Amino acid sequence: MVAEDKTKKELIGNEGLVILDIVRRLTRRNASGHLKKLIKKTHPADLAWVFRYLAENERKNVFAIIAQTEIVGEFLSELDDSIMIDLVQGLSAQYMAEVVTNMASDDAVDLLEALPTEVADDIRRHMEKKDREEVEELLQYHPQSAGGLMSTDYMSLDEELGVGDAIALVQKRSEEKEMVFYLYITHGEGKLSGVVSLRELLMHPPHRQLKNIMNDKVISVNTETDQEEVAHIVSQYNFLAVPVVDSSYCLEGIVTVDDIIDVIREEATEDFLQMAGAGKDREILLKSTKDNALLRAPWLFASWLGGIMAMIIIGAFEKELLKVLALASFIPVVMGMGGNIATQSSTIIVRGIATGRINMNEFFKVVFKEMRVGLILGILYGLFLGVVTYFTHTEPPLLGLVVGISIFTCMVMAATVGAFIPLILKRFDIDAAIATGPFVTTSIDILGVLVYFWVAKLFLGL
């Protein structure tokens, strides 16, 4: 992104709360002049954070001031989609066309994609032809692909140029471009041939051609490359930006590290929500109570169904329970330990898949490793609980053995299943994050109870 004005101070620690309080007090006093000065000195990302905690009437008054400043586009791009949509729908298409035109191309596309189709179309109709065509070209790509993330405001130079001419062009055009630390070198009809850093450029004599100093082993991504793969490449090679090419290897744009950070945060948030069984809507906290409940209800159905099945299994062993009432007191322990280790295994595997640390060709090796972990922990906690049971429950004599074996078996099984299911889902190109939460823990609860009563029946002769 283009460098921010140095006077816009980013919030640290409790300063955000202080500014929130000041904004509220200035809004109540209708001190528009002072509020405008504060807004101009505050970073757009911090304004968006403050804006999130304002009441409806406060938001309206504050945004009326923000709309008069040059940072309105950056501010809108930092807002949560639901808040941004509410604000934009109250503005004229002509005004929004001017705002979108002044935004970075990738941010402008993100904003238009978040808006309802009819609103976005109306805004585009009011844009200049050149700007509209640039935005529409980016809108053709899937929003979660490299093409959907990329910015077209990059610096490219022909490989035949001399260093002196290249420096002159950089000085002339750098204000309009993003990430000029990397200068992409092209030949022919814009085909990517190499890259040179700004530092490297300045170290060579003016007469030397770019093709003689560039790095021709440039790593790039295709316009259709998934955003997770782009994020993996940027993080693996510590790039500030990565070039995006089409099928003919023509340079189309760049994806910058700030967009990659957003991708990583969004993907991690979605994974955490799915693993907790709360859907995958990143803005769930901003939803109404009704919408929040509706989003979470389907995921909880798995837990409800699992509870019903566990109840049926326990009911089927009612006679055995009546003979040995102490069996009932260990049911939560068996279910809890199994569910916990299954969630641990699933979380580790899902994160390993996301970060590329798990090789899918070593499927069984990964599963067996988690099985061995379950074996060690199962022996440890099985022995521990078995000994505790032996000294606290004298009748029946073998109850400690039953509890110990049940915990051991359940933990080995849970660790194995917790690792196996995400890997299987990944093999079939299904999001592995949905394996955790209610799905895995519920299945382990059912299997754990079944194993527990089967072991009890076998060893206690029930």
Protein backbone atom coordinates (compact mmCIF):
# COMPACT_ATOMS: atom_id res chain seq x y z
CA MET A 1 0.00 0.00 0.00
CA VAL A 2 1.04 3.63 -0.45
CA ALA A 3 2.91 4.94 2.57
CA GLU A 4 0.72 6.74 5.10
CA ASP A 5 1.17 10.36 6.18
CA LYS A 6 3.64 10.32 9.09
CA THR A 7 1.39 12.63 11.11
CA LYS A 8 -1.22 9.88 11.37
CA LYS A 9 -0.16 8.22 14.59
CA GLU A 10 -1.04 4.57 15.06
CA LEU A 11 -2.66 3.56 18.34
CA ILE A 12 -0.63 1.72 20.98
CA GLY A 13 -2.03 0.12 24.12
CA ASN A 14 -4.85 2.09 25.74
CA GLU A 15 -4.62 5.06 23.38
CA GLY A 16 -7.47 3.64 21.33
CA LEU A 17 -9.82 3.85 24.32
CA VAL A 18 -8.66 7.41 25.00
CA ILE A 19 -9.42 8.47 21.41
CA LEU A 20 -12.77 6.69 21.56
CA ASP A 21 -13.67 8.72 24.65
CA ILE A 22 -12.51 11.97 23.01
CA VAL A 23 -14.50 11.25 19.84
CA ARG A 24 -17.63 10.63 21.89
CA ARG A 25 -17.21 13.84 23.90
CA LEU A 26 -16.53 15.96 20.81
CA THR A 27 -19.55 14.40 19.07
CA ARG A 28 -21.83 15.20 22.02
CA ARG A 29 -20.62 18.83 21.99
CA ASN A 30 -20.98 19.11 18.18
CA ALA A 31 -17.33 20.26 18.07
CA SER A 32 -16.95 19.48 14.36
CA GLY A 33 -13.76 21.50 13.90
CA HIS A 34 -11.87 19.77 16.69
CA LEU A 35 -13.24 16.38 15.61
CA LYS A 36 -12.03 16.94 12.05
CA LYS A 37 -8.52 17.81 13.31
CA LEU A 38 -8.46 14.63 15.41
CA ILE A 39 -9.63 12.51 12.46
CA LYS A 40 -6.90 13.91 10.20
CA LYS A 41 -4.23 13.02 12.78
CA THR A 42 -5.52 9.49 13.38
CA HIS A 43 -4.62 6.47 11.28
CA PRO A 44 -7.59 5.16 9.19
CA ALA A 45 -7.22 1.67 10.70
CA ASP A 46 -7.47 3.15 14.20
CA LEU A 47 -10.48 5.25 13.19
CA ALA A 48 -12.16 2.05 11.97
CA TRP A 49 -11.46 0.43 15.36
CA VAL A 50 -12.95 3.44 17.19
CA PHE A 51 -15.93 3.52 14.81
CA ARG A 52 -16.84 -0.06 15.66
CA TYR A 53 -17.65 0.91 19.26
CA LEU A 54 -19.72 4.00 18.50
CA ALA A 55 -23.51 4.08 18.80
CA GLU A 56 -25.64 4.41 15.64
CA ASN A 57 -26.20 8.17 15.98
CA GLU A 58 -22.52 8.74 16.85
CA ARG A 59 -21.43 6.82 13.76
CA LYS A 60 -23.62 9.00 11.55
CA ASN A 61 -22.15 12.22 12.94
CA VAL A 62 -18.54 11.03 12.87
CA PHE A 63 -18.77 9.66 9.34
CA ALA A 64 -20.22 12.96 8.12
CA ILE A 65 -16.89 14.51 9.18
CA ILE A 66 -14.74 11.67 7.79
CA ALA A 67 -16.53 12.00 4.43
CA GLN A 68 -15.11 15.53 4.16
CA THR A 69 -11.49 14.32 4.39
CA GLU A 70 -9.11 12.60 1.96
CA ILE A 71 -8.87 9.46 4.08
CA VAL A 72 -12.49 8.37 3.52
CA GLY A 73 -11.47 5.65 1.01
CA GLU A 74 -8.79 4.17 3.29
CA PHE A 75 -11.21 4.37 6.22
CA LEU A 76 -13.94 2.45 4.36
CA SER A 77 -11.44 -0.23 3.31
CA GLU A 78 -10.50 -0.80 6.97
CA LEU A 79 -14.09 -1.19 8.22
CA ASP A 80 -15.92 -4.46 8.83
CA ASP A 81 -18.00 -5.25 5.75
CA SER A 82 -21.36 -5.02 7.51
CA ILE A 83 -20.62 -1.53 8.89
CA MET A 84 -19.13 -0.36 5.59
CA ILE A 85 -22.17 -1.51 3.60
CA ASP A 86 -24.54 0.41 5.88
CA LEU A 87 -22.51 3.59 5.41
CA VAL A 88 -22.07 3.31 1.63
CA GLN A 89 -25.75 2.64 0.95
CA GLY A 90 -26.53 6.05 2.41
CA LEU A 91 -24.15 7.85 0.01
CA SER A 92 -24.70 8.95 -3.58
CA ALA A 93 -23.24 6.82 -6.38
CA GLN A 94 -21.46 9.88 -7.80
CA TYR A 95 -19.67 10.55 -4.51
CA MET A 96 -18.71 6.88 -4.07
CA ALA A 97 -17.39 6.75 -7.65
CA GLU A 98 -14.94 9.54 -6.76
CA VAL A 99 -13.94 7.74 -3.54
CA VAL A 100 -13.38 4.41 -5.32
CA THR A 101 -11.35 6.10 -8.07
CA ASN A 102 -8.92 7.52 -5.49
CA MET A 103 -8.47 4.18 -3.72
CA ALA A 104 -5.78 1.59 -4.46
CA SER A 105 -7.14 -0.73 -7.15
CA ASP A 106 -7.17 -3.85 -4.94
CA ASP A 107 -8.93 -2.01 -2.09
CA ALA A 108 -11.46 -0.55 -4.54
CA VAL A 109 -12.28 -4.02 -5.86
CA ASP A 110 -12.65 -5.42 -2.32
CA LEU A 111 -15.08 -2.63 -1.47
CA LEU A 112 -17.19 -3.14 -4.61
CA GLU A 113 -17.29 -6.92 -4.11
CA ALA A 114 -18.59 -6.49 -0.56
CA LEU A 115 -21.48 -4.24 -1.68
CA PRO A 116 -24.81 -5.48 -3.02
CA THR A 117 -24.62 -5.98 -6.80
CA GLU A 118 -27.03 -3.18 -7.70
CA VAL A 119 -25.16 -0.65 -5.51
CA ALA A 120 -21.76 -1.65 -6.93
CA ASP A 121 -23.06 -1.48 -10.51
CA ASP A 122 -24.48 1.99 -9.90
CA ILE A 123 -21.12 3.20 -8.55
CA ARG A 124 -19.23 1.77 -11.55
CA ARG A 125 -21.57 3.52 -13.98
CA HIS A 126 -20.51 6.87 -12.51
CA MET A 127 -16.77 6.14 -12.83
CA GLU A 128 -14.54 7.38 -15.65
CA LYS A 129 -14.13 4.81 -18.44
CA LYS A 130 -10.44 4.16 -17.76
CA ASP A 131 -10.96 3.66 -14.01
CA ARG A 132 -14.06 1.55 -14.57
CA GLU A 133 -12.27 -0.76 -17.00
CA GLU A 134 -9.37 -1.23 -14.55
CA VAL A 135 -11.74 -2.18 -11.75
CA GLU A 136 -13.87 -4.45 -13.94
CA GLU A 137 -10.74 -6.25 -15.13
CA LEU A 138 -9.92 -7.14 -11.53
CA LEU A 139 -13.52 -8.04 -10.70
CA GLN A 140 -13.43 -10.88 -13.22
CA TYR A 141 -11.15 -12.87 -10.91
CA HIS A 142 -12.35 -14.92 -7.96
CA PRO A 143 -12.04 -12.76 -4.81
CA GLN A 144 -10.01 -15.47 -3.04
CA SER A 145 -7.50 -15.90 -5.88
CA ALA A 146 -4.26 -14.07 -6.61
CA GLY A 147 -6.08 -12.14 -9.35
CA GLY A 148 -8.70 -11.01 -6.84
CA LEU A 149 -6.03 -9.88 -4.37
CA MET A 150 -3.59 -8.21 -6.72
CA SER A 151 -2.98 -4.54 -7.27
CA THR A 152 -2.22 -3.18 -10.75
CA ASP A 153 -0.28 -0.23 -9.30
CA TYR A 154 3.13 -1.86 -9.65
CA MET A 155 6.43 -0.67 -11.11
CA SER A 156 7.61 -2.51 -14.25
CA LEU A 157 10.55 -1.65 -16.50
CA ASP A 158 11.72 -2.98 -19.86
CA GLU A 159 14.82 -5.16 -19.67
CA GLU A 160 16.56 -3.12 -22.39
CA LEU A 161 16.57 0.04 -20.25
CA GLY A 162 19.79 1.32 -18.74
CA VAL A 163 20.11 1.79 -14.99
CA GLY A 164 20.20 5.61 -15.32
CA ASP A 165 16.95 5.71 -17.33
CA ALA A 166 15.34 3.25 -14.94
CA ILE A 167 16.18 5.42 -11.91
CA ALA A 168 14.70 8.47 -13.69
CA LEU A 169 11.46 6.54 -14.35
CA VAL A 170 11.27 5.33 -10.75
CA GLN A 171 11.66 8.91 -9.49
CA LYS A 172 8.93 10.07 -11.85
CA ARG A 173 6.35 7.32 -11.28
CA SER A 174 7.00 5.94 -7.79
CA GLU A 175 4.32 8.05 -6.04
CA GLU A 176 1.60 6.32 -8.06
CA LYS A 177 2.89 2.80 -7.43
CA GLU A 178 2.87 0.23 -4.64
CA MET A 179 5.90 -1.56 -3.23
CA VAL A 180 8.63 0.10 -5.35
CA PHE A 181 11.22 -1.83 -3.34
CA TYR A 182 10.79 -4.44 -6.09
CA LEU A 183 11.09 -3.42 -9.75
CA TYR A 184 9.70 -6.04 -12.11
CA ILE A 185 11.52 -6.42 -15.41
CA THR A 186 9.59 -7.32 -18.57
CA HIS A 187 10.28 -8.02 -22.23
CA GLY A 188 8.18 -8.19 -25.38
CA GLU A 189 4.46 -7.79 -24.69
CA GLY A 190 4.86 -7.36 -20.94
CA LYS A 191 6.17 -10.86 -20.20
CA LEU A 192 7.87 -11.15 -16.82
CA SER A 193 11.59 -11.82 -17.19
CA GLY A 194 13.06 -10.87 -13.82
CA VAL A 195 13.11 -8.67 -10.75
CA VAL A 196 15.57 -6.22 -9.25
CA SER A 197 15.44 -4.49 -5.89
CA LEU A 198 15.64 -0.72 -5.62
CA ARG A 199 18.83 -1.09 -3.58
CA GLU A 200 20.40 -3.29 -6.26
CA LEU A 201 19.44 -0.78 -8.96
CA LEU A 202 21.25 2.05 -7.19
CA MET A 203 24.48 0.06 -6.90
CA HIS A 204 25.16 -0.21 -10.67
CA PRO A 205 26.51 2.32 -13.20
CA PRO A 206 23.94 4.26 -15.31
CA HIS A 207 24.90 2.64 -18.63
CA ARG A 208 24.35 -0.99 -17.54
CA GLN A 209 21.17 -2.60 -18.88
CA LEU A 210 18.57 -4.03 -16.50
CA LYS A 211 18.71 -7.47 -18.12
CA ASN A 212 22.33 -7.73 -16.98
CA ILE A 213 21.63 -7.01 -13.31
CA MET A 214 18.17 -8.53 -12.77
CA ASN A 215 17.42 -11.79 -11.00
CA ASP A 216 15.81 -13.98 -13.67
CA LYS A 217 14.79 -16.67 -11.18
CA VAL A 218 11.73 -14.72 -10.07
CA ILE A 219 9.02 -16.56 -8.13
CA SER A 220 5.52 -15.68 -9.30
CA VAL A 221 1.93 -16.89 -8.96
CA ASN A 222 -0.85 -17.29 -11.52
CA THR A 223 -3.98 -15.14 -11.49
CA GLU A 224 -5.99 -18.26 -10.54
CA THR A 225 -3.73 -19.33 -7.65
CA ASP A 226 -5.68 -19.68 -4.40
CA GLN A 227 -5.03 -16.98 -1.79
CA GLU A 228 -3.84 -19.55 0.76
CA GLU A 229 -1.13 -20.72 -1.63
CA VAL A 230 -0.11 -17.09 -2.30
CA ALA A 231 0.11 -16.50 1.46
CA HIS A 232 2.23 -19.62 1.84
CA ILE A 233 4.69 -18.43 -0.84
CA VAL A 234 5.01 -14.92 0.62
CA SER A 235 5.56 -16.23 4.16
CA GLN A 236 7.95 -18.98 3.07
CA TYR A 237 10.23 -16.67 1.08
CA ASN A 238 9.73 -13.54 3.22
CA PHE A 239 8.65 -11.42 0.25
CA LEU A 240 7.15 -7.95 0.55
CA ALA A 241 5.26 -8.60 -2.68
CA VAL A 242 4.85 -11.38 -5.23
CA PRO A 243 4.18 -10.83 -8.98
CA VAL A 244 1.01 -12.23 -10.58
CA VAL A 245 1.13 -13.50 -14.16
CA ASP A 246 -1.46 -14.86 -16.59
CA SER A 247 -1.28 -18.10 -18.59
CA SER A 248 1.08 -16.43 -21.10
CA TYR A 249 3.42 -15.29 -18.29
CA CYS A 250 2.48 -11.65 -18.85
CA LEU A 251 2.73 -9.54 -15.71
CA GLU A 252 -0.77 -8.59 -14.51
CA GLY A 253 -0.19 -7.21 -11.00
CA ILE A 254 1.36 -7.81 -7.60
CA VAL A 255 0.06 -9.09 -4.27
CA THR A 256 1.56 -7.11 -1.39
CA VAL A 257 2.37 -8.34 2.10
CA ASP A 258 -0.35 -6.21 3.75
CA ASP A 259 -3.00 -8.11 1.77
CA ILE A 260 -1.34 -11.40 2.69
CA ILE A 261 -1.53 -10.52 6.39
CA ASP A 262 -5.28 -9.93 5.94
CA VAL A 263 -5.61 -13.29 4.17
CA ILE A 264 -3.77 -15.14 6.95
CA ARG A 265 -5.90 -13.45 9.60
CA GLU A 266 -9.14 -14.18 7.75
CA GLU A 267 -8.27 -17.82 7.07
CA ALA A 268 -7.17 -18.37 10.68
CA THR A 269 -10.38 -16.76 11.98
CA GLU A 270 -12.53 -18.96 9.73
CA ASP A 271 -10.64 -22.07 10.87
CA PHE A 272 -11.01 -21.19 14.56
CA LEU A 273 -14.74 -20.52 14.17
CA GLN A 274 -15.31 -23.79 12.33
CA MET A 275 -13.23 -25.74 14.81
CA ALA A 276 -15.33 -24.28 17.62
CA GLY A 277 -18.53 -25.15 15.77
CA ALA A 278 -19.60 -21.53 15.25
CA GLY A 279 -19.79 -21.45 11.44
CA LYS A 280 -17.25 -19.51 9.38
CA ASP A 281 -18.63 -15.98 9.23
CA ARG A 282 -15.76 -13.76 10.39
CA GLU A 283 -18.16 -11.00 11.38
CA ILE A 284 -20.34 -13.17 13.59
CA LEU A 285 -19.86 -10.81 16.56
CA LEU A 286 -21.43 -7.99 14.56
CA LYS A 287 -24.52 -10.02 13.68
CA SER A 288 -27.83 -9.58 15.45
CA THR A 289 -28.80 -12.04 18.20
CA LYS A 290 -31.18 -13.82 15.83
CA ASP A 291 -28.63 -14.14 13.00
CA ASN A 292 -25.94 -15.22 15.46
CA ALA A 293 -28.17 -18.00 16.77
CA LEU A 294 -29.18 -19.13 13.27
CA LEU A 295 -25.53 -19.35 12.19
CA ARG A 296 -24.54 -21.49 15.15
CA ALA A 297 -27.62 -23.72 15.36
CA PRO A 298 -26.74 -26.14 12.49
CA TRP A 299 -23.27 -26.77 13.91
CA LEU A 300 -24.68 -27.53 17.35
CA PHE A 301 -27.01 -30.11 15.81
CA ALA A 302 -24.07 -32.53 15.67
CA SER A 303 -23.54 -32.14 19.42
CA TRP A 304 -27.25 -32.58 20.08
CA LEU A 305 -27.37 -35.69 17.92
CA GLY A 306 -24.28 -37.07 19.63
CA GLY A 307 -25.81 -36.43 23.04
CA ILE A 308 -28.97 -38.31 22.04
CA MET A 309 -26.94 -41.28 20.78
CA ALA A 310 -24.79 -41.31 23.94
CA MET A 311 -28.00 -41.25 26.00
CA ILE A 312 -29.34 -44.24 24.03
CA ILE A 313 -26.09 -46.16 24.58
CA ILE A 314 -26.11 -45.42 28.33
CA GLY A 315 -29.78 -46.45 28.46
CA ALA A 316 -28.92 -49.74 26.76
CA PHE A 317 -26.53 -50.51 29.63
CA GLU A 318 -29.01 -49.51 32.32
CA LYS A 319 -29.00 -52.96 33.94
CA GLU A 320 -25.21 -52.93 34.18
CA LEU A 321 -25.30 -49.45 35.71
CA LEU A 322 -27.82 -50.56 38.34
CA LYS A 323 -25.50 -53.40 39.34
CA VAL A 324 -22.44 -51.11 39.61
CA LEU A 325 -23.55 -47.53 40.24
CA ALA A 326 -19.93 -46.38 40.49
CA LEU A 327 -19.63 -46.82 36.72
CA ALA A 328 -21.78 -43.71 36.20
CA SER A 329 -19.33 -41.41 37.99
CA PHE A 330 -16.55 -42.12 35.48
CA ILE A 331 -18.56 -41.48 32.30
CA PRO A 332 -17.71 -37.71 32.17
CA VAL A 333 -14.00 -38.49 32.66
CA VAL A 334 -13.91 -41.00 29.81
CA MET A 335 -15.84 -38.71 27.46
CA GLY A 336 -13.89 -35.61 28.48
CA MET A 337 -10.40 -37.09 28.09
CA GLY A 338 -11.29 -38.61 24.72
CA GLY A 339 -12.86 -35.40 23.45
CA ASN A 340 -9.93 -33.27 24.60
CA ILE A 341 -7.18 -35.33 22.99
CA ALA A 342 -9.23 -35.64 19.79
CA THR A 343 -9.58 -31.86 19.62
CA GLN A 344 -5.85 -31.45 20.26
CA SER A 345 -4.94 -33.88 17.47
CA SER A 346 -7.41 -32.33 15.03
CA THR A 347 -6.21 -28.79 15.78
CA ILE A 348 -2.55 -29.77 15.32
CA ILE A 349 -3.28 -31.53 12.03
CA VAL A 350 -5.51 -28.73 10.66
CA ARG A 351 -2.85 -26.13 11.49
CA GLY A 352 -0.14 -28.33 10.01
CA ILE A 353 -2.11 -28.62 6.77
CA ALA A 354 -2.68 -24.85 6.67
CA THR A 355 1.00 -24.02 7.19
CA GLY A 356 2.28 -26.69 4.80
CA ARG A 357 4.11 -28.61 7.54
CA ILE A 358 2.20 -31.81 6.82
CA ASN A 359 3.06 -33.79 3.72
CA MET A 360 -0.10 -35.49 2.43
CA ASN A 361 2.06 -38.22 0.89
CA GLU A 362 3.01 -39.27 4.43
CA PHE A 363 -0.64 -39.78 5.42
CA PHE A 364 -0.17 -42.94 7.51
CA LYS A 365 3.06 -41.69 9.07
CA VAL A 366 1.20 -38.65 10.46
CA VAL A 367 -1.71 -40.77 11.73
CA PHE A 368 0.61 -43.32 13.37
CA LYS A 369 2.55 -40.54 15.08
CA GLU A 370 -0.66 -39.21 16.67
CA MET A 371 -1.64 -42.76 17.56
CA ARG A 372 1.69 -43.18 19.41
CA VAL A 373 1.08 -39.88 21.23
CA GLY A 374 -2.35 -41.21 22.25
CA LEU A 375 -0.72 -44.46 23.36
CA ILE A 376 1.76 -42.67 25.66
CA LEU A 377 -0.86 -40.32 27.13
CA GLY A 378 -3.39 -43.16 27.41
CA ILE A 379 -0.96 -45.29 29.43
CA LEU A 380 -0.09 -42.31 31.66
CA TYR A 381 -3.65 -41.20 32.44
CA GLY A 382 -5.03 -44.76 32.39
CA LEU A 383 -2.57 -45.81 35.11
CA PHE A 384 -3.14 -42.62 37.08
CA LEU A 385 -6.94 -42.86 37.06
CA GLY A 386 -6.85 -46.62 37.57
CA VAL A 387 -4.78 -46.20 40.75
CA VAL A 388 -7.03 -43.38 42.03
CA THR A 389 -10.10 -45.54 41.37
CA TYR A 390 -8.53 -48.54 43.13
CA PHE A 391 -8.04 -46.56 46.36
CA THR A 392 -11.35 -44.66 46.25
CA HIS A 393 -13.71 -47.46 45.09
CA THR A 394 -13.16 -50.82 46.75
CA GLU A 395 -16.16 -52.42 45.05
CA PRO A 396 -16.05 -54.02 42.59
CA PRO A 397 -12.34 -54.89 42.87
CA LEU A 398 -11.65 -54.66 39.13
CA LEU A 399 -13.26 -51.20 38.69
CA GLY A 400 -9.85 -49.50 38.63
CA LEU A 401 -8.70 -51.85 35.86
CA VAL A 402 -11.89 -51.16 33.87
CA VAL A 403 -11.50 -47.37 34.17
CA GLY A 404 -7.77 -47.51 33.34
CA ILE A 405 -8.25 -49.68 30.24
CA SER A 406 -11.22 -47.55 29.10
CA ILE A 407 -9.25 -44.30 29.40
CA PHE A 408 -6.29 -45.86 27.60
CA THR A 409 -8.38 -47.27 24.75
CA CYS A 410 -10.46 -44.13 24.37
CA MET A 411 -7.43 -41.81 24.23
CA VAL A 412 -5.60 -43.94 21.65
CA MET A 413 -8.74 -44.14 19.54
CA ALA A 414 -9.50 -40.43 19.92
CA ALA A 415 -5.98 -39.30 18.94
CA THR A 416 -6.09 -41.56 15.89
CA VAL A 417 -9.55 -40.44 14.76
CA GLY A 418 -8.72 -36.79 15.48
CA ALA A 419 -5.75 -36.99 13.11
CA PHE A 420 -7.37 -39.28 10.53
CA ILE A 421 -10.55 -37.29 9.79
CA PRO A 422 -8.91 -33.93 8.85
CA LEU A 423 -6.43 -35.75 6.60
CA ILE A 424 -9.20 -37.67 4.87
CA LEU A 425 -11.20 -34.47 4.33
CA LYS A 426 -8.11 -32.74 2.91
CA ARG A 427 -7.50 -35.66 0.57
CA PHE A 428 -11.00 -35.07 -0.86
CA ASP A 429 -10.43 -31.28 -1.03
CA ILE A 430 -12.86 -30.54 1.81
CA ASP A 431 -11.96 -27.89 4.38
CA ALA A 432 -10.21 -29.82 7.17
CA ALA A 433 -11.28 -27.28 9.83
CA ILE A 434 -14.84 -28.62 9.81
CA ALA A 435 -13.53 -31.91 11.23
CA THR A 436 -12.97 -30.48 14.69
CA GLY A 437 -15.39 -29.02 17.18
CA PRO A 438 -18.76 -30.77 17.37
CA PHE A 439 -18.02 -33.35 14.67
CA VAL A 440 -14.92 -35.02 16.14
CA THR A 441 -15.71 -34.54 19.82
CA THR A 442 -19.27 -35.85 19.41
CA SER A 443 -18.14 -38.96 17.56
CA ILE A 444 -15.49 -39.61 20.23
CA ASP A 445 -18.07 -39.16 23.01
CA ILE A 446 -20.24 -41.85 21.43
CA LEU A 447 -17.36 -44.26 20.83
CA GLY A 448 -15.88 -43.55 24.28
CA VAL A 449 -19.09 -44.45 26.10
CA LEU A 450 -19.48 -47.57 23.98
CA VAL A 451 -15.90 -48.72 24.71
CA TYR A 452 -16.29 -47.94 28.42
CA PHE A 453 -19.39 -50.08 28.89
CA TRP A 454 -18.06 -52.85 26.68
CA VAL A 455 -14.86 -53.07 28.79
CA ALA A 456 -16.93 -52.94 32.00
CA LYS A 457 -19.19 -55.71 30.79
CA LEU A 458 -16.20 -57.84 29.80
CA PHE A 459 -14.12 -57.48 32.99
CA LEU A 460 -16.91 -57.20 35.57
CA GLY A 461 -19.01 -60.02 34.08
CA LEU A 462 -22.14 -57.83 33.89
